[in-house]
Amino acid sequence: MKQEWLMITTDLIKQISQAKQYAGSALQSAKAAEFKSAAHNMFLAQEKIQSAKLIQADLLATDNMVSNSEDILMNTLLSVHSEDHLVTASAYLDLVSEFINVYKRLMTE
């Protein structure tokens, strides 16, 4: 169970990391007034966040299957760590989206 949990949390953090990379690319595209590319990268970032949320739901479902206290502690730490990444990335995507809107307004005036 410990190995499965580790694989799931690693995949979750990977999805979140990719979402942040796409959002960063979207922001760079917006700075260069490439708004179609920015929108595409934000779409990809949102897809990764959605994937991460599904993985997180699986984590929560498997949390009840842990039996010994060592695994419970490890799983709790990994859950909190991955949850922190997810919340931070979601906020980052929101901010990037707002910055893209600001760039659009500034560059169309």
PDB file of N, CA and C in Angstrom:
ATOM      1  N   MET A   1       0.816  -1.194   0.000  1.00  0.00           N
ATOM      2  CA  MET A   1       0.000   0.000   0.000  1.00  0.00           C
ATOM      3  C   MET A   1       0.861   1.260   0.000  1.00  0.00           C
ATOM      4  N   LYS A   2       1.972   1.218   0.731  1.00  0.00           N
ATOM      5  CA  LYS A   2       2.842   2.388   0.817  1.00  0.00           C
ATOM      6  C   LYS A   2       3.376   2.778  -0.563  1.00  0.00           C
ATOM      7  N   GLN A   3       3.794   1.783  -1.341  1.00  0.00           N
ATOM      8  CA  GLN A   3       4.331   2.042  -2.676  1.00  0.00           C
ATOM      9  C   GLN A   3       3.256   2.630  -3.587  1.00  0.00           C
ATOM     10  N   GLU A   4       2.040   2.091  -3.519  1.00  0.00           N
ATOM     11  CA  GLU A   4       0.933   2.602  -4.326  1.00  0.00           C
ATOM     12  C   GLU A   4       0.644   4.062  -3.966  1.00  0.00           C
ATOM     13  N   TRP A   5       0.622   4.338  -2.684  1.00  0.00           N
ATOM     14  CA  TRP A   5       0.359   5.701  -2.206  1.00  0.00           C
ATOM     15  C   TRP A   5       1.430   6.658  -2.720  1.00  0.00           C
ATOM     16  N   LEU A   6       2.666   6.237  -2.648  1.00  0.00           N
ATOM     17  CA  LEU A   6       3.774   7.060  -3.122  1.00  0.00           C
ATOM     18  C   LEU A   6       3.652   7.333  -4.620  1.00  0.00           C
ATOM     19  N   MET A   7       3.283   6.326  -5.390  1.00  0.00           N
ATOM     20  CA  MET A   7       3.114   6.506  -6.832  1.00  0.00           C
ATOM     21  C   MET A   7       1.982   7.486  -7.136  1.00  0.00           C
ATOM     22  N   ILE A   8       0.896   7.377  -6.404  1.00  0.00           N
ATOM     23  CA  ILE A   8      -0.251   8.258  -6.634  1.00  0.00           C
ATOM     24  C   ILE A   8       0.114   9.706  -6.291  1.00  0.00           C
ATOM     25  N   THR A   9       0.739   9.913  -5.142  1.00  0.00           N
ATOM     26  CA  THR A   9       1.095  11.291  -4.761  1.00  0.00           C
ATOM     27  C   THR A   9       2.154  11.867  -5.693  1.00  0.00           C
ATOM     28  N   THR A  10       3.062  11.036  -6.156  1.00  0.00           N
ATOM     29  CA  THR A  10       4.066  11.508  -7.113  1.00  0.00           C
ATOM     30  C   THR A  10       3.402  11.935  -8.414  1.00  0.00           C
ATOM     31  N   ASP A  11       2.443  11.148  -8.871  1.00  0.00           N
ATOM     32  CA  ASP A  11       1.712  11.509 -10.088  1.00  0.00           C
ATOM     33  C   ASP A  11       0.927  12.806  -9.882  1.00  0.00           C
ATOM     34  N   LEU A  12       0.323  12.946  -8.727  1.00  0.00           N
ATOM     35  CA  LEU A  12      -0.421  14.168  -8.403  1.00  0.00           C
ATOM     36  C   LEU A  12       0.488  15.391  -8.477  1.00  0.00           C
ATOM     37  N   ILE A  13       1.620  15.323  -7.847  1.00  0.00           N
ATOM     38  CA  ILE A  13       2.548  16.457  -7.841  1.00  0.00           C
ATOM     39  C   ILE A  13       3.080  16.719  -9.247  1.00  0.00           C
ATOM     40  N   LYS A  14       3.280  15.666 -10.030  1.00  0.00           N
ATOM     41  CA  LYS A  14       3.721  15.828 -11.424  1.00  0.00           C
ATOM     42  C   LYS A  14       2.668  16.583 -12.239  1.00  0.00           C
ATOM     43  N   GLN A  15       1.406  16.208 -12.096  1.00  0.00           N
ATOM     44  CA  GLN A  15       0.327  16.891 -12.821  1.00  0.00           C
ATOM     45  C   GLN A  15       0.278  18.372 -12.442  1.00  0.00           C
ATOM     46  N   ILE A  16       0.432  18.642 -11.162  1.00  0.00           N
ATOM     47  CA  ILE A  16       0.395  20.022 -10.675  1.00  0.00           C
ATOM     48  C   ILE A  16       1.573  20.812 -11.220  1.00  0.00           C
ATOM     49  N   SER A  17       2.735  20.211 -11.229  1.00  0.00           N
ATOM     50  CA  SER A  17       3.933  20.867 -11.754  1.00  0.00           C
ATOM     51  C   SER A  17       3.763  21.205 -13.233  1.00  0.00           C
ATOM     52  N   GLN A  18       3.198  20.280 -13.984  1.00  0.00           N
ATOM     53  CA  GLN A  18       2.958  20.537 -15.399  1.00  0.00           C
ATOM     54  C   GLN A  18       1.946  21.665 -15.594  1.00  0.00           C
ATOM     55  N   ALA A  19       0.948  21.716 -14.741  1.00  0.00           N
ATOM     56  CA  ALA A  19      -0.038  22.798 -14.820  1.00  0.00           C
ATOM     57  C   ALA A  19       0.637  24.149 -14.609  1.00  0.00           C
ATOM     58  N   LYS A  20       1.523  24.212 -13.635  1.00  0.00           N
ATOM     59  CA  LYS A  20       2.234  25.470 -13.369  1.00  0.00           C
ATOM     60  C   LYS A  20       3.146  25.837 -14.535  1.00  0.00           C
ATOM     61  N   GLN A  21       3.766  24.847 -15.163  1.00  0.00           N
ATOM     62  CA  GLN A  21       4.613  25.127 -16.325  1.00  0.00           C
ATOM     63  C   GLN A  21       3.783  25.688 -17.478  1.00  0.00           C
ATOM     64  N   TYR A  22       2.629  25.098 -17.738  1.00  0.00           N
ATOM     65  CA  TYR A  22       1.748  25.611 -18.790  1.00  0.00           C
ATOM     66  C   TYR A  22       1.283  27.033 -18.474  1.00  0.00           C
ATOM     67  N   ALA A  23       0.958  27.284 -17.220  1.00  0.00           N
ATOM     68  CA  ALA A  23       0.520  28.623 -16.835  1.00  0.00           C
ATOM     69  C   ALA A  23       1.650  29.637 -17.020  1.00  0.00           C
ATOM     70  N   GLY A  24       2.859  29.254 -16.665  1.00  0.00           N
ATOM     71  CA  GLY A  24       4.005  30.129 -16.874  1.00  0.00           C
ATOM     72  C   GLY A  24       4.220  30.429 -18.349  1.00  0.00           C
ATOM     73  N   SER A  25       4.066  29.426 -19.187  1.00  0.00           N
ATOM     74  CA  SER A  25       4.166  29.633 -20.636  1.00  0.00           C
ATOM     75  C   SER A  25       3.054  30.551 -21.132  1.00  0.00           C
ATOM     76  N   ALA A  26       1.874  30.389 -20.579  1.00  0.00           N
ATOM     77  CA  ALA A  26       0.753  31.255 -20.959  1.00  0.00           C
ATOM     78  C   ALA A  26       1.060  32.708 -20.618  1.00  0.00           C
ATOM     79  N   LEU A  27       1.629  32.926 -19.458  1.00  0.00           N
ATOM     80  CA  LEU A  27       1.968  34.290 -19.044  1.00  0.00           C
ATOM     81  C   LEU A  27       3.024  34.890 -19.975  1.00  0.00           C
ATOM     82  N   GLN A  28       4.024  34.102 -20.328  1.00  0.00           N
ATOM     83  CA  GLN A  28       5.065  34.588 -21.250  1.00  0.00           C
ATOM     84  C   GLN A  28       4.465  34.901 -22.622  1.00  0.00           C
ATOM     85  N   SER A  29       3.545  34.083 -23.063  1.00  0.00           N
ATOM     86  CA  SER A  29       2.876  34.343 -24.341  1.00  0.00           C
ATOM     87  C   SER A  29       2.074  35.636 -24.285  1.00  0.00           C
ATOM     88  N   ALA A  30       1.393  35.853 -23.181  1.00  0.00           N
ATOM     89  CA  ALA A  30       0.605  37.081 -23.037  1.00  0.00           C
ATOM     90  C   ALA A  30       1.507  38.310 -23.036  1.00  0.00           C
ATOM     91  N   LYS A  31       2.653  38.212 -22.392  1.00  0.00           N
ATOM     92  CA  LYS A  31       3.606  39.334 -22.393  1.00  0.00           C
ATOM     93  C   LYS A  31       4.040  39.683 -23.812  1.00  0.00           C
ATOM     94  N   ALA A  32       4.106  38.664 -24.663  1.00  0.00           N
ATOM     95  CA  ALA A  32       4.517  38.864 -26.054  1.00  0.00           C
ATOM     96  C   ALA A  32       3.309  39.134 -26.964  1.00  0.00           C
ATOM     97  N   ALA A  33       2.156  39.377 -26.377  1.00  0.00           N
ATOM     98  CA  ALA A  33       0.909  39.650 -27.094  1.00  0.00           C
ATOM     99  C   ALA A  33       0.477  38.466 -27.971  1.00  0.00           C
ATOM    100  N   GLU A  34       0.843  37.269 -27.586  1.00  0.00           N
ATOM    101  CA  GLU A  34       0.440  36.052 -28.293  1.00  0.00           C
ATOM    102  C   GLU A  34      -0.712  35.410 -27.508  1.00  0.00           C
ATOM    103  N   PHE A  35      -1.865  36.036 -27.613  1.00  0.00           N
ATOM    104  CA  PHE A  35      -2.989  35.661 -26.749  1.00  0.00           C
ATOM    105  C   PHE A  35      -3.619  34.321 -27.120  1.00  0.00           C
ATOM    106  N   LYS A  36      -3.506  33.926 -28.383  1.00  0.00           N
ATOM    107  CA  LYS A  36      -4.021  32.607 -28.769  1.00  0.00           C
ATOM    108  C   LYS A  36      -3.185  31.512 -28.096  1.00  0.00           C
ATOM    109  N   SER A  37      -1.877  31.695 -28.119  1.00  0.00           N
ATOM    110  CA  SER A  37      -0.985  30.746 -27.455  1.00  0.00           C
ATOM    111  C   SER A  37      -1.212  30.759 -25.943  1.00  0.00           C
ATOM    112  N   ALA A  38      -1.418  31.942 -25.390  1.00  0.00           N
ATOM    113  CA  ALA A  38      -1.679  32.058 -23.950  1.00  0.00           C
ATOM    114  C   ALA A  38      -2.953  31.298 -23.569  1.00  0.00           C
ATOM    115  N   ALA A  39      -3.986  31.467 -24.378  1.00  0.00           N
ATOM    116  CA  ALA A  39      -5.251  30.774 -24.096  1.00  0.00           C
ATOM    117  C   ALA A  39      -5.077  29.260 -24.191  1.00  0.00           C
ATOM    118  N   HIS A  40      -4.326  28.817 -25.188  1.00  0.00           N
ATOM    119  CA  HIS A  40      -4.083  27.377 -25.350  1.00  0.00           C
ATOM    120  C   HIS A  40      -3.327  26.813 -24.142  1.00  0.00           C
ATOM    121  N   ASN A  41      -2.292  27.517 -23.716  1.00  0.00           N
ATOM    122  CA  ASN A  41      -1.517  27.044 -22.559  1.00  0.00           C
ATOM    123  C   ASN A  41      -2.344  27.064 -21.278  1.00  0.00           C
ATOM    124  N   MET A  42      -3.204  28.050 -21.124  1.00  0.00           N
ATOM    125  CA  MET A  42      -4.071  28.074 -19.940  1.00  0.00           C
ATOM    126  C   MET A  42      -5.068  26.919 -19.981  1.00  0.00           C
ATOM    127  N   PHE A  43      -5.541  26.587 -21.180  1.00  0.00           N
ATOM    128  CA  PHE A  43      -6.432  25.431 -21.319  1.00  0.00           C
ATOM    129  C   PHE A  43      -5.716  24.158 -20.869  1.00  0.00           C
ATOM    130  N   LEU A  44      -4.473  23.987 -21.325  1.00  0.00           N
ATOM    131  CA  LEU A  44      -3.687  22.811 -20.933  1.00  0.00           C
ATOM    132  C   LEU A  44      -3.425  22.806 -19.421  1.00  0.00           C
ATOM    133  N   ALA A  45      -3.155  23.976 -18.865  1.00  0.00           N
ATOM    134  CA  ALA A  45      -2.926  24.079 -17.418  1.00  0.00           C
ATOM    135  C   ALA A  45      -4.179  23.664 -16.645  1.00  0.00           C
ATOM    136  N   GLN A  46      -5.332  24.133 -17.101  1.00  0.00           N
ATOM    137  CA  GLN A  46      -6.590  23.772 -16.428  1.00  0.00           C
ATOM    138  C   GLN A  46      -6.860  22.271 -16.533  1.00  0.00           C
ATOM    139  N   GLU A  47      -6.527  21.677 -17.683  1.00  0.00           N
ATOM    140  CA  GLU A  47      -6.693  20.225 -17.822  1.00  0.00           C
ATOM    141  C   GLU A  47      -5.837  19.472 -16.802  1.00  0.00           C
ATOM    142  N   LYS A  48      -4.603  19.930 -16.612  1.00  0.00           N
ATOM    143  CA  LYS A  48      -3.709  19.280 -15.646  1.00  0.00           C
ATOM    144  C   LYS A  48      -4.236  19.442 -14.224  1.00  0.00           C
ATOM    145  N   ILE A  49      -4.773  20.612 -13.910  1.00  0.00           N
ATOM    146  CA  ILE A  49      -5.348  20.832 -12.573  1.00  0.00           C
ATOM    147  C   ILE A  49      -6.553  19.904 -12.369  1.00  0.00           C
ATOM    148  N   GLN A  50      -7.392  19.770 -13.397  1.00  0.00           N
ATOM    149  CA  GLN A  50      -8.542  18.868 -13.293  1.00  0.00           C
ATOM    150  C   GLN A  50      -8.079  17.429 -13.077  1.00  0.00           C
ATOM    151  N   SER A  51      -7.036  17.035 -13.811  1.00  0.00           N
ATOM    152  CA  SER A  51      -6.475  15.696 -13.632  1.00  0.00           C
ATOM    153  C   SER A  51      -5.956  15.522 -12.206  1.00  0.00           C
ATOM    154  N   ALA A  52      -5.291  16.540 -11.698  1.00  0.00           N
ATOM    155  CA  ALA A  52      -4.767  16.485 -10.329  1.00  0.00           C
ATOM    156  C   ALA A  52      -5.901  16.358  -9.313  1.00  0.00           C
ATOM    157  N   LYS A  53      -7.000  17.031  -9.558  1.00  0.00           N
ATOM    158  CA  LYS A  53      -8.135  16.943  -8.634  1.00  0.00           C
ATOM    159  C   LYS A  53      -8.735  15.536  -8.621  1.00  0.00           C
ATOM    160  N   LEU A  54      -8.746  14.889  -9.779  1.00  0.00           N
ATOM    161  CA  LEU A  54      -9.242  13.505  -9.832  1.00  0.00           C
ATOM    162  C   LEU A  54      -8.304  12.569  -9.082  1.00  0.00           C
ATOM    163  N   ILE A  55      -7.008  12.781  -9.250  1.00  0.00           N
ATOM    164  CA  ILE A  55      -6.030  11.960  -8.529  1.00  0.00           C
ATOM    165  C   ILE A  55      -6.178  12.179  -7.028  1.00  0.00           C
ATOM    166  N   GLN A  56      -6.389  13.435  -6.635  1.00  0.00           N
ATOM    167  CA  GLN A  56      -6.562  13.744  -5.211  1.00  0.00           C
ATOM    168  C   GLN A  56      -7.795  13.028  -4.651  1.00  0.00           C
ATOM    169  N   ALA A  57      -8.857  12.978  -5.437  1.00  0.00           N
ATOM    170  CA  ALA A  57     -10.060  12.266  -4.998  1.00  0.00           C
ATOM    171  C   ALA A  57      -9.757  10.784  -4.782  1.00  0.00           C
ATOM    172  N   ASP A  58      -8.931  10.203  -5.670  1.00  0.00           N
ATOM    173  CA  ASP A  58      -8.517   8.806  -5.489  1.00  0.00           C
ATOM    174  C   ASP A  58      -7.706   8.642  -4.201  1.00  0.00           C
ATOM    175  N   LEU A  59      -6.850   9.617  -3.934  1.00  0.00           N
ATOM    176  CA  LEU A  59      -6.055   9.560  -2.704  1.00  0.00           C
ATOM    177  C   LEU A  59      -6.950   9.552  -1.478  1.00  0.00           C
ATOM    178  N   LEU A  60      -7.936  10.405  -1.488  1.00  0.00           N
ATOM    179  CA  LEU A  60      -8.842  10.487  -0.345  1.00  0.00           C
ATOM    180  C   LEU A  60      -9.618   9.178  -0.179  1.00  0.00           C
ATOM    181  N   ALA A  61      -9.957   8.547  -1.296  1.00  0.00           N
ATOM    182  CA  ALA A  61     -10.694   7.288  -1.233  1.00  0.00           C
ATOM    183  C   ALA A  61      -9.819   6.159  -0.687  1.00  0.00           C
ATOM    184  N   THR A  62      -8.530   6.149  -1.037  1.00  0.00           N
ATOM    185  CA  THR A  62      -7.652   5.076  -0.574  1.00  0.00           C
ATOM    186  C   THR A  62      -7.109   5.330   0.822  1.00  0.00           C
ATOM    187  N   ASP A  63      -7.302   6.527   1.334  1.00  0.00           N
ATOM    188  CA  ASP A  63      -6.800   6.871   2.665  1.00  0.00           C
ATOM    189  C   ASP A  63      -7.373   5.954   3.735  1.00  0.00           C
ATOM    190  N   ASN A  64      -8.591   5.485   3.531  1.00  0.00           N
ATOM    191  CA  ASN A  64      -9.237   4.626   4.522  1.00  0.00           C
ATOM    192  C   ASN A  64      -8.685   3.203   4.539  1.00  0.00           C
ATOM    193  N   MET A  65      -7.897   2.846   3.528  1.00  0.00           N
ATOM    194  CA  MET A  65      -7.378   1.478   3.435  1.00  0.00           C
ATOM    195  C   MET A  65      -6.058   1.292   4.177  1.00  0.00           C
ATOM    196  N   VAL A  66      -5.525   2.350   4.760  1.00  0.00           N
ATOM    197  CA  VAL A  66      -4.244   2.273   5.454  1.00  0.00           C
ATOM    198  C   VAL A  66      -4.479   1.669   6.828  1.00  0.00           C
ATOM    199  N   SER A  67      -3.612   0.722   7.204  1.00  0.00           N
ATOM    200  CA  SER A  67      -3.868  -0.003   8.444  1.00  0.00           C
ATOM    201  C   SER A  67      -2.905   0.310   9.588  1.00  0.00           C
ATOM    202  N   ASN A  68      -1.609   0.504   9.311  1.00  0.00           N
ATOM    203  CA  ASN A  68      -0.703   0.699  10.435  1.00  0.00           C
ATOM    204  C   ASN A  68      -0.325   2.174  10.609  1.00  0.00           C
ATOM    205  N   SER A  69       0.117   2.517  11.792  1.00  0.00           N
ATOM    206  CA  SER A  69       0.348   3.920  12.140  1.00  0.00           C
ATOM    207  C   SER A  69       1.483   4.552  11.337  1.00  0.00           C
ATOM    208  N   GLU A  70       2.496   3.764  10.967  1.00  0.00           N
ATOM    209  CA  GLU A  70       3.600   4.313  10.168  1.00  0.00           C
ATOM    210  C   GLU A  70       3.096   4.739   8.790  1.00  0.00           C
ATOM    211  N   ASP A  71       2.271   3.901   8.181  1.00  0.00           N
ATOM    212  CA  ASP A  71       1.706   4.239   6.874  1.00  0.00           C
ATOM    213  C   ASP A  71       0.750   5.423   6.980  1.00  0.00           C
ATOM    214  N   ILE A  72       0.001   5.478   8.060  1.00  0.00           N
ATOM    215  CA  ILE A  72      -0.928   6.597   8.251  1.00  0.00           C
ATOM    216  C   ILE A  72      -0.162   7.908   8.312  1.00  0.00           C
ATOM    217  N   LEU A  73       0.934   7.945   9.070  1.00  0.00           N
ATOM    218  CA  LEU A  73       1.739   9.159   9.172  1.00  0.00           C
ATOM    219  C   LEU A  73       2.327   9.536   7.818  1.00  0.00           C
ATOM    220  N   MET A  74       2.914   8.579   7.115  1.00  0.00           N
ATOM    221  CA  MET A  74       3.512   8.835   5.810  1.00  0.00           C
ATOM    222  C   MET A  74       2.468   9.334   4.820  1.00  0.00           C
ATOM    223  N   ASN A  75       1.328   8.682   4.787  1.00  0.00           N
ATOM    224  CA  ASN A  75       0.265   9.068   3.873  1.00  0.00           C
ATOM    225  C   ASN A  75      -0.288  10.442   4.208  1.00  0.00           C
ATOM    226  N   THR A  76      -0.395  10.752   5.479  1.00  0.00           N
ATOM    227  CA  THR A  76      -0.875  12.068   5.887  1.00  0.00           C
ATOM    228  C   THR A  76       0.089  13.157   5.444  1.00  0.00           C
ATOM    229  N   LEU A  77       1.375  12.923   5.648  1.00  0.00           N
ATOM    230  CA  LEU A  77       2.381  13.906   5.232  1.00  0.00           C
ATOM    231  C   LEU A  77       2.355  14.113   3.721  1.00  0.00           C
ATOM    232  N   LEU A  78       2.271  13.018   2.983  1.00  0.00           N
ATOM    233  CA  LEU A  78       2.213  13.135   1.524  1.00  0.00           C
ATOM    234  C   LEU A  78       0.928  13.815   1.071  1.00  0.00           C
ATOM    235  N   SER A  79      -0.167  13.509   1.725  1.00  0.00           N
ATOM    236  CA  SER A  79      -1.443  14.146   1.379  1.00  0.00           C
ATOM    237  C   SER A  79      -1.388  15.649   1.605  1.00  0.00           C
ATOM    238  N   VAL A  80      -0.876  16.045   2.742  1.00  0.00           N
ATOM    239  CA  VAL A  80      -0.784  17.471   3.062  1.00  0.00           C
ATOM    240  C   VAL A  80       0.150  18.174   2.082  1.00  0.00           C
ATOM    241  N   HIS A  81       1.260  17.532   1.780  1.00  0.00           N
ATOM    242  CA  HIS A  81       2.223  18.115   0.847  1.00  0.00           C
ATOM    243  C   HIS A  81       1.608  18.288  -0.547  1.00  0.00           C
ATOM    244  N   SER A  82       0.955  17.266  -1.040  1.00  0.00           N
ATOM    245  CA  SER A  82       0.352  17.354  -2.371  1.00  0.00           C
ATOM    246  C   SER A  82      -0.829  18.322  -2.380  1.00  0.00           C
ATOM    247  N   GLU A  83      -1.590  18.356  -1.302  1.00  0.00           N
ATOM    248  CA  GLU A  83      -2.708  19.310  -1.196  1.00  0.00           C
ATOM    249  C   GLU A  83      -2.192  20.738  -1.232  1.00  0.00           C
ATOM    250  N   ASP A  84      -1.082  20.984  -0.559  1.00  0.00           N
ATOM    251  CA  ASP A  84      -0.469  22.311  -0.575  1.00  0.00           C
ATOM    252  C   ASP A  84      -0.074  22.706  -1.995  1.00  0.00           C
ATOM    253  N   HIS A  85       0.520  21.784  -2.725  1.00  0.00           N
ATOM    254  CA  HIS A  85       0.883  22.044  -4.121  1.00  0.00           C
ATOM    255  C   HIS A  85      -0.355  22.364  -4.959  1.00  0.00           C
ATOM    256  N   LEU A  86      -1.419  21.603  -4.762  1.00  0.00           N
ATOM    257  CA  LEU A  86      -2.635  21.791  -5.550  1.00  0.00           C
ATOM    258  C   LEU A  86      -3.270  23.150  -5.279  1.00  0.00           C
ATOM    259  N   VAL A  87      -3.383  23.517  -4.027  1.00  0.00           N
ATOM    260  CA  VAL A  87      -3.983  24.805  -3.672  1.00  0.00           C
ATOM    261  C   VAL A  87      -3.138  25.956  -4.205  1.00  0.00           C
ATOM    262  N   THR A  88      -1.833  25.861  -4.047  1.00  0.00           N
ATOM    263  CA  THR A  88      -0.931  26.902  -4.527  1.00  0.00           C
ATOM    264  C   THR A  88      -1.007  27.031  -6.047  1.00  0.00           C
ATOM    265  N   ALA A  89      -1.012  25.906  -6.742  1.00  0.00           N
ATOM    266  CA  ALA A  89      -1.083  25.932  -8.206  1.00  0.00           C
ATOM    267  C   ALA A  89      -2.409  26.504  -8.682  1.00  0.00           C
ATOM    268  N   SER A  90      -3.491  26.160  -8.009  1.00  0.00           N
ATOM    269  CA  SER A  90      -4.800  26.706  -8.388  1.00  0.00           C
ATOM    270  C   SER A  90      -4.819  28.219  -8.243  1.00  0.00           C
ATOM    271  N   ALA A  91      -4.253  28.718  -7.163  1.00  0.00           N
ATOM    272  CA  ALA A  91      -4.181  30.171  -6.961  1.00  0.00           C
ATOM    273  C   ALA A  91      -3.285  30.806  -8.024  1.00  0.00           C
ATOM    274  N   TYR A  92      -2.192  30.146  -8.357  1.00  0.00           N
ATOM    275  CA  TYR A  92      -1.279  30.649  -9.384  1.00  0.00           C
ATOM    276  C   TYR A  92      -1.988  30.748 -10.733  1.00  0.00           C
ATOM    277  N   LEU A  93      -2.758  29.730 -11.088  1.00  0.00           N
ATOM    278  CA  LEU A  93      -3.491  29.770 -12.350  1.00  0.00           C
ATOM    279  C   LEU A  93      -4.506  30.909 -12.368  1.00  0.00           C
ATOM    280  N   ASP A  94      -5.154  31.143 -11.250  1.00  0.00           N
ATOM    281  CA  ASP A  94      -6.094  32.270 -11.161  1.00  0.00           C
ATOM    282  C   ASP A  94      -5.377  33.597 -11.389  1.00  0.00           C
ATOM    283  N   LEU A  95      -4.225  33.749 -10.762  1.00  0.00           N
ATOM    284  CA  LEU A  95      -3.457  34.997 -10.928  1.00  0.00           C
ATOM    285  C   LEU A  95      -2.959  35.162 -12.357  1.00  0.00           C
ATOM    286  N   VAL A  96      -2.460  34.100 -12.946  1.00  0.00           N
ATOM    287  CA  VAL A  96      -1.980  34.172 -14.331  1.00  0.00           C
ATOM    288  C   VAL A  96      -3.126  34.559 -15.258  1.00  0.00           C
ATOM    289  N   SER A  97      -4.280  33.991 -15.037  1.00  0.00           N
ATOM    290  CA  SER A  97      -5.448  34.327 -15.846  1.00  0.00           C
ATOM    291  C   SER A  97      -5.767  35.818 -15.744  1.00  0.00           C
ATOM    292  N   GLU A  98      -5.699  36.353 -14.557  1.00  0.00           N
ATOM    293  CA  GLU A  98      -5.948  37.783 -14.370  1.00  0.00           C
ATOM    294  C   GLU A  98      -4.882  38.632 -15.061  1.00  0.00           C
ATOM    295  N   PHE A  99      -3.631  38.230 -14.959  1.00  0.00           N
ATOM    296  CA  PHE A  99      -2.556  38.965 -15.634  1.00  0.00           C
ATOM    297  C   PHE A  99      -2.741  38.945 -17.147  1.00  0.00           C
ATOM    298  N   ILE A 100      -3.155  37.819 -17.681  1.00  0.00           N
ATOM    299  CA  ILE A 100      -3.399  37.735 -19.123  1.00  0.00           C
ATOM    300  C   ILE A 100      -4.484  38.729 -19.527  1.00  0.00           C
ATOM    301  N   ASN A 101      -5.527  38.804 -18.730  1.00  0.00           N
ATOM    302  CA  ASN A 101      -6.598  39.780 -19.016  1.00  0.00           C
ATOM    303  C   ASN A 101      -6.078  41.208 -18.963  1.00  0.00           C
ATOM    304  N   VAL A 102      -5.214  41.499 -18.019  1.00  0.00           N
ATOM    305  CA  VAL A 102      -4.627  42.837 -17.915  1.00  0.00           C
ATOM    306  C   VAL A 102      -3.778  43.133 -19.148  1.00  0.00           C
ATOM    307  N   TYR A 103      -2.945  42.173 -19.543  1.00  0.00           N
ATOM    308  CA  TYR A 103      -2.126  42.364 -20.747  1.00  0.00           C
ATOM    309  C   TYR A 103      -3.001  42.608 -21.975  1.00  0.00           C
ATOM    310  N   LYS A 104      -4.096  41.867 -22.093  1.00  0.00           N
ATOM    311  CA  LYS A 104      -5.006  42.057 -23.239  1.00  0.00           C
ATOM    312  C   LYS A 104      -5.541  43.483 -23.250  1.00  0.00           C
ATOM    313  N   ARG A 105      -6.000  43.953 -22.099  1.00  0.00           N
ATOM    314  CA  ARG A 105      -6.552  45.307 -22.031  1.00  0.00           C
ATOM    315  C   ARG A 105      -5.506  46.372 -22.343  1.00  0.00           C
ATOM    316  N   LEU A 106      -4.313  46.193 -21.782  1.00  0.00           N
ATOM    317  CA  LEU A 106      -3.257  47.182 -22.003  1.00  0.00           C
ATOM    318  C   LEU A 106      -2.805  47.223 -23.464  1.00  0.00           C
ATOM    319  N   MET A 107      -2.767  46.081 -24.091  1.00  0.00           N
ATOM    320  CA  MET A 107      -2.254  46.015 -25.459  1.00  0.00           C
ATOM    321  C   MET A 107      -3.294  46.323 -26.512  1.00  0.00           C
ATOM    322  N   THR A 108      -4.556  46.379 -26.115  1.00  0.00           N
ATOM    323  CA  THR A 108      -5.606  46.713 -27.088  1.00  0.00           C
ATOM    324  C   THR A 108      -6.056  48.161 -26.956  1.00  0.00           C
ATOM    325  N   GLU A 109      -5.522  48.868 -25.998  1.00  0.00           N
ATOM    326  CA  GLU A 109      -5.892  50.289 -25.829  1.00  0.00           C
ATOM    327  C   GLU A 109      -5.028  51.188 -26.681  1.00  0.00           C
TER     328      GLU A 109
END
